[in-house]
Amino acid sequence: MIFFTIVRVNSRLHGDTTEDPVYPKIQFPSVDLCSDCRTDAEADPYHADVQWNRTRVQEFLKSFYSPSRIIQDLEPEASQSSAYVS
């Protein structure tokens, strides 16, 4: 699964000079998003040594990226659209 390749890359890039300090690279999904995805919820979220429950990760990813979660209508709110009126 490509997911585990991304986990290794995020771990390698964590703390790199190119990392955004506001959004540090953590292992996704976080414990807050899917505590069942990790076999050890107390593991360091920045390192690839996190032990994953592969079945639960796959279920989570299918749900998280499912078509039903795609927002179809992105019309700006009235307050936002008025900022662009000249």
N, C-alpha and C. Protein backbone atom coordinates (compact mmCIF):
# COMPACT_ATOMS: atom_id res chain seq x y z
N MET A 1 0.85 -1.17 0.00
CA MET A 1 0.00 0.00 0.00
C MET A 1 0.90 1.24 0.00
N ILE A 2 0.63 2.19 -0.87
CA ILE A 2 1.42 3.42 -0.99
C ILE A 2 1.44 4.21 0.32
N PHE A 3 0.41 4.03 1.12
CA PHE A 3 0.31 4.71 2.41
C PHE A 3 1.59 4.55 3.22
N PHE A 4 2.14 3.35 3.28
CA PHE A 4 3.31 3.10 4.12
C PHE A 4 4.58 3.74 3.55
N THR A 5 4.62 3.96 2.25
CA THR A 5 5.73 4.71 1.65
C THR A 5 5.64 6.17 2.08
N ILE A 6 4.44 6.72 2.07
CA ILE A 6 4.24 8.11 2.48
C ILE A 6 4.62 8.28 3.95
N VAL A 7 4.29 7.30 4.78
CA VAL A 7 4.65 7.33 6.20
C VAL A 7 6.16 7.44 6.36
N ARG A 8 6.90 6.65 5.61
CA ARG A 8 8.37 6.68 5.70
C ARG A 8 8.93 8.02 5.23
N VAL A 9 8.36 8.58 4.18
CA VAL A 9 8.82 9.88 3.67
C VAL A 9 8.52 10.98 4.69
N ASN A 10 7.33 11.00 5.24
CA ASN A 10 7.00 12.00 6.25
C ASN A 10 7.93 11.92 7.45
N SER A 11 8.26 10.71 7.85
CA SER A 11 9.19 10.52 8.96
C SER A 11 10.57 11.08 8.62
N ARG A 12 11.01 10.81 7.41
CA ARG A 12 12.33 11.30 6.98
C ARG A 12 12.36 12.82 6.89
N LEU A 13 11.26 13.44 6.46
CA LEU A 13 11.21 14.89 6.30
C LEU A 13 10.90 15.65 7.58
N HIS A 14 10.44 14.95 8.61
CA HIS A 14 10.12 15.62 9.88
C HIS A 14 11.37 16.30 10.43
N GLY A 15 11.27 17.58 10.72
CA GLY A 15 12.40 18.34 11.25
C GLY A 15 13.33 18.89 10.20
N ASP A 16 13.09 18.59 8.93
CA ASP A 16 13.91 19.10 7.84
C ASP A 16 13.73 20.61 7.72
N THR A 17 14.70 21.29 7.16
CA THR A 17 14.61 22.74 7.01
C THR A 17 13.45 23.15 6.11
N THR A 18 12.97 22.24 5.28
CA THR A 18 11.85 22.55 4.39
C THR A 18 10.49 22.35 5.06
N GLU A 19 10.48 21.82 6.26
CA GLU A 19 9.22 21.54 6.93
C GLU A 19 8.55 22.84 7.40
N ASP A 20 7.25 22.91 7.23
CA ASP A 20 6.47 24.05 7.68
C ASP A 20 6.32 23.95 9.19
N PRO A 21 6.85 24.91 9.95
CA PRO A 21 6.78 24.82 11.41
C PRO A 21 5.35 24.89 11.95
N VAL A 22 4.45 25.47 11.20
CA VAL A 22 3.05 25.55 11.63
C VAL A 22 2.35 24.20 11.47
N TYR A 23 2.76 23.45 10.46
CA TYR A 23 2.17 22.15 10.18
C TYR A 23 3.26 21.08 10.12
N PRO A 24 3.80 20.67 11.28
CA PRO A 24 4.86 19.66 11.26
C PRO A 24 4.36 18.34 10.70
N LYS A 25 5.25 17.60 10.10
CA LYS A 25 4.89 16.32 9.50
C LYS A 25 4.69 15.29 10.60
N ILE A 26 3.47 14.82 10.73
CA ILE A 26 3.16 13.74 11.66
C ILE A 26 2.72 12.54 10.84
N GLN A 27 2.69 11.41 11.49
CA GLN A 27 2.23 10.21 10.80
C GLN A 27 0.71 10.24 10.72
N PHE A 28 0.21 10.22 9.50
CA PHE A 28 -1.22 10.28 9.24
C PHE A 28 -1.76 8.87 9.07
N PRO A 29 -2.90 8.58 9.61
CA PRO A 29 -3.78 9.45 10.38
C PRO A 29 -3.29 9.61 11.80
N SER A 30 -3.57 10.77 12.36
CA SER A 30 -3.19 11.03 13.74
C SER A 30 -4.02 10.15 14.67
N VAL A 31 -3.60 10.06 15.91
CA VAL A 31 -4.35 9.30 16.91
C VAL A 31 -5.73 9.92 17.08
N ASP A 32 -5.81 11.25 16.97
CA ASP A 32 -7.10 11.92 17.10
C ASP A 32 -8.08 11.49 16.00
N LEU A 33 -7.57 11.29 14.80
CA LEU A 33 -8.43 10.89 13.68
C LEU A 33 -8.78 9.41 13.72
N CYS A 34 -7.82 8.59 14.12
CA CYS A 34 -8.05 7.13 14.09
C CYS A 34 -7.17 6.44 15.13
N SER A 35 -7.64 6.41 16.34
CA SER A 35 -6.84 5.78 17.40
C SER A 35 -6.71 4.27 17.18
N ASP A 36 -7.66 3.66 16.50
CA ASP A 36 -7.60 2.22 16.23
C ASP A 36 -6.62 1.86 15.12
N CYS A 37 -6.12 2.87 14.40
CA CYS A 37 -5.20 2.60 13.30
C CYS A 37 -3.80 2.22 13.79
N ARG A 38 -3.49 2.56 15.01
CA ARG A 38 -2.17 2.26 15.58
C ARG A 38 -2.31 1.18 16.63
N THR A 39 -1.34 0.30 16.68
CA THR A 39 -1.39 -0.71 17.73
C THR A 39 -0.89 -0.15 19.04
N ASP A 40 -0.13 0.96 18.99
CA ASP A 40 0.35 1.63 20.19
C ASP A 40 0.03 3.12 20.06
N ALA A 41 -1.09 3.55 20.62
CA ALA A 41 -1.53 4.93 20.50
C ALA A 41 -0.57 5.91 21.17
N GLU A 42 0.32 5.41 22.02
CA GLU A 42 1.26 6.29 22.72
C GLU A 42 2.57 6.47 21.95
N ALA A 43 2.72 5.81 20.83
CA ALA A 43 3.97 5.90 20.05
C ALA A 43 4.18 7.32 19.55
N ASP A 44 5.43 7.68 19.32
CA ASP A 44 5.79 9.01 18.83
C ASP A 44 5.16 9.22 17.46
N PRO A 45 4.29 10.25 17.30
CA PRO A 45 3.59 10.45 16.04
C PRO A 45 4.47 10.95 14.90
N TYR A 46 5.75 11.23 15.19
CA TYR A 46 6.63 11.78 14.16
C TYR A 46 7.52 10.72 13.51
N HIS A 47 7.52 9.52 14.02
CA HIS A 47 8.45 8.51 13.51
C HIS A 47 7.75 7.35 12.81
N ALA A 48 8.45 6.80 11.86
CA ALA A 48 7.89 5.72 11.05
C ALA A 48 7.77 4.41 11.81
N ASP A 49 8.34 4.34 13.04
CA ASP A 49 8.27 3.07 13.77
C ASP A 49 6.88 2.82 14.35
N VAL A 50 5.93 3.67 14.06
CA VAL A 50 4.57 3.45 14.52
C VAL A 50 4.11 2.09 13.99
N GLN A 51 3.53 1.30 14.86
CA GLN A 51 3.00 0.01 14.45
C GLN A 51 1.55 0.20 14.03
N TRP A 52 1.26 -0.12 12.79
CA TRP A 52 -0.06 0.13 12.22
C TRP A 52 -0.91 -1.12 12.20
N ASN A 53 -2.19 -0.94 12.45
CA ASN A 53 -3.19 -1.98 12.26
C ASN A 53 -3.63 -1.82 10.80
N ARG A 54 -3.02 -2.60 9.92
CA ARG A 54 -3.23 -2.42 8.48
C ARG A 54 -4.69 -2.51 8.06
N THR A 55 -5.42 -3.41 8.67
CA THR A 55 -6.84 -3.56 8.33
C THR A 55 -7.59 -2.28 8.68
N ARG A 56 -7.34 -1.77 9.88
CA ARG A 56 -8.04 -0.55 10.31
C ARG A 56 -7.60 0.66 9.49
N VAL A 57 -6.31 0.74 9.13
CA VAL A 57 -5.83 1.84 8.29
C VAL A 57 -6.54 1.83 6.95
N GLN A 58 -6.66 0.66 6.35
CA GLN A 58 -7.33 0.56 5.06
C GLN A 58 -8.80 0.98 5.17
N GLU A 59 -9.47 0.55 6.22
CA GLU A 59 -10.87 0.95 6.43
C GLU A 59 -10.97 2.46 6.61
N PHE A 60 -10.05 3.02 7.41
CA PHE A 60 -10.06 4.46 7.65
C PHE A 60 -9.85 5.23 6.35
N LEU A 61 -8.85 4.85 5.57
CA LEU A 61 -8.54 5.56 4.33
C LEU A 61 -9.71 5.48 3.34
N LYS A 62 -10.33 4.33 3.23
CA LYS A 62 -11.48 4.20 2.33
C LYS A 62 -12.61 5.12 2.77
N SER A 63 -12.82 5.22 4.07
CA SER A 63 -13.87 6.09 4.59
C SER A 63 -13.49 7.56 4.45
N PHE A 64 -12.26 7.89 4.82
CA PHE A 64 -11.80 9.28 4.82
C PHE A 64 -11.80 9.88 3.42
N TYR A 65 -11.43 9.09 2.42
CA TYR A 65 -11.35 9.57 1.04
C TYR A 65 -12.52 9.10 0.18
N SER A 66 -13.62 8.72 0.81
CA SER A 66 -14.76 8.22 0.05
C SER A 66 -15.43 9.35 -0.74
N PRO A 67 -16.06 9.02 -1.86
CA PRO A 67 -16.75 10.03 -2.66
C PRO A 67 -17.81 10.80 -1.88
N SER A 68 -18.40 10.18 -0.88
CA SER A 68 -19.45 10.86 -0.11
C SER A 68 -18.91 12.03 0.70
N ARG A 69 -17.61 12.08 0.91
CA ARG A 69 -17.01 13.18 1.68
C ARG A 69 -16.55 14.34 0.79
N ILE A 70 -16.69 14.21 -0.50
CA ILE A 70 -16.26 15.27 -1.41
C ILE A 70 -17.29 16.38 -1.41
N ILE A 71 -16.82 17.60 -1.20
CA ILE A 71 -17.70 18.76 -1.20
C ILE A 71 -17.91 19.18 -2.65
N GLN A 72 -19.15 19.19 -3.07
CA GLN A 72 -19.47 19.49 -4.46
C GLN A 72 -19.68 20.98 -4.71
N ASP A 73 -20.23 21.70 -3.73
CA ASP A 73 -20.61 23.09 -3.93
C ASP A 73 -19.70 24.00 -3.11
N LEU A 74 -18.89 24.77 -3.78
CA LEU A 74 -17.95 25.65 -3.09
C LEU A 74 -18.26 27.12 -3.32
N GLU A 75 -19.54 27.47 -3.40
CA GLU A 75 -19.89 28.87 -3.60
C GLU A 75 -19.43 29.67 -2.40
N PRO A 76 -18.79 30.81 -2.65
CA PRO A 76 -18.33 31.64 -1.52
C PRO A 76 -19.52 32.23 -0.78
N GLU A 77 -19.32 32.47 0.50
CA GLU A 77 -20.37 33.10 1.30
C GLU A 77 -20.51 34.54 0.85
N ALA A 78 -21.64 35.15 1.12
CA ALA A 78 -21.91 36.52 0.69
C ALA A 78 -20.84 37.49 1.17
N SER A 79 -20.35 37.32 2.40
CA SER A 79 -19.35 38.23 2.93
C SER A 79 -18.02 38.11 2.18
N GLN A 80 -17.71 36.90 1.73
CA GLN A 80 -16.46 36.69 1.01
C GLN A 80 -16.58 37.22 -0.42
N SER A 81 -17.71 36.99 -1.06
CA SER A 81 -17.84 37.40 -2.45
C SER A 81 -17.87 38.91 -2.59
N SER A 82 -18.38 39.63 -1.58
CA SER A 82 -18.44 41.09 -1.68
C SER A 82 -17.07 41.72 -1.67
N ALA A 83 -16.09 41.03 -1.16
CA ALA A 83 -14.72 41.56 -1.12
C ALA A 83 -14.14 41.67 -2.52
N TYR A 84 -14.68 40.93 -3.47
CA TYR A 84 -14.14 40.92 -4.82
C TYR A 84 -14.92 41.83 -5.77
N VAL A 85 -15.95 42.49 -5.30
CA VAL A 85 -16.75 43.40 -6.13
C VAL A 85 -16.05 44.73 -6.22
N SER A 86 -15.92 45.25 -7.45
CA SER A 86 -15.23 46.53 -7.60
C SER A 86 -16.19 47.67 -7.73
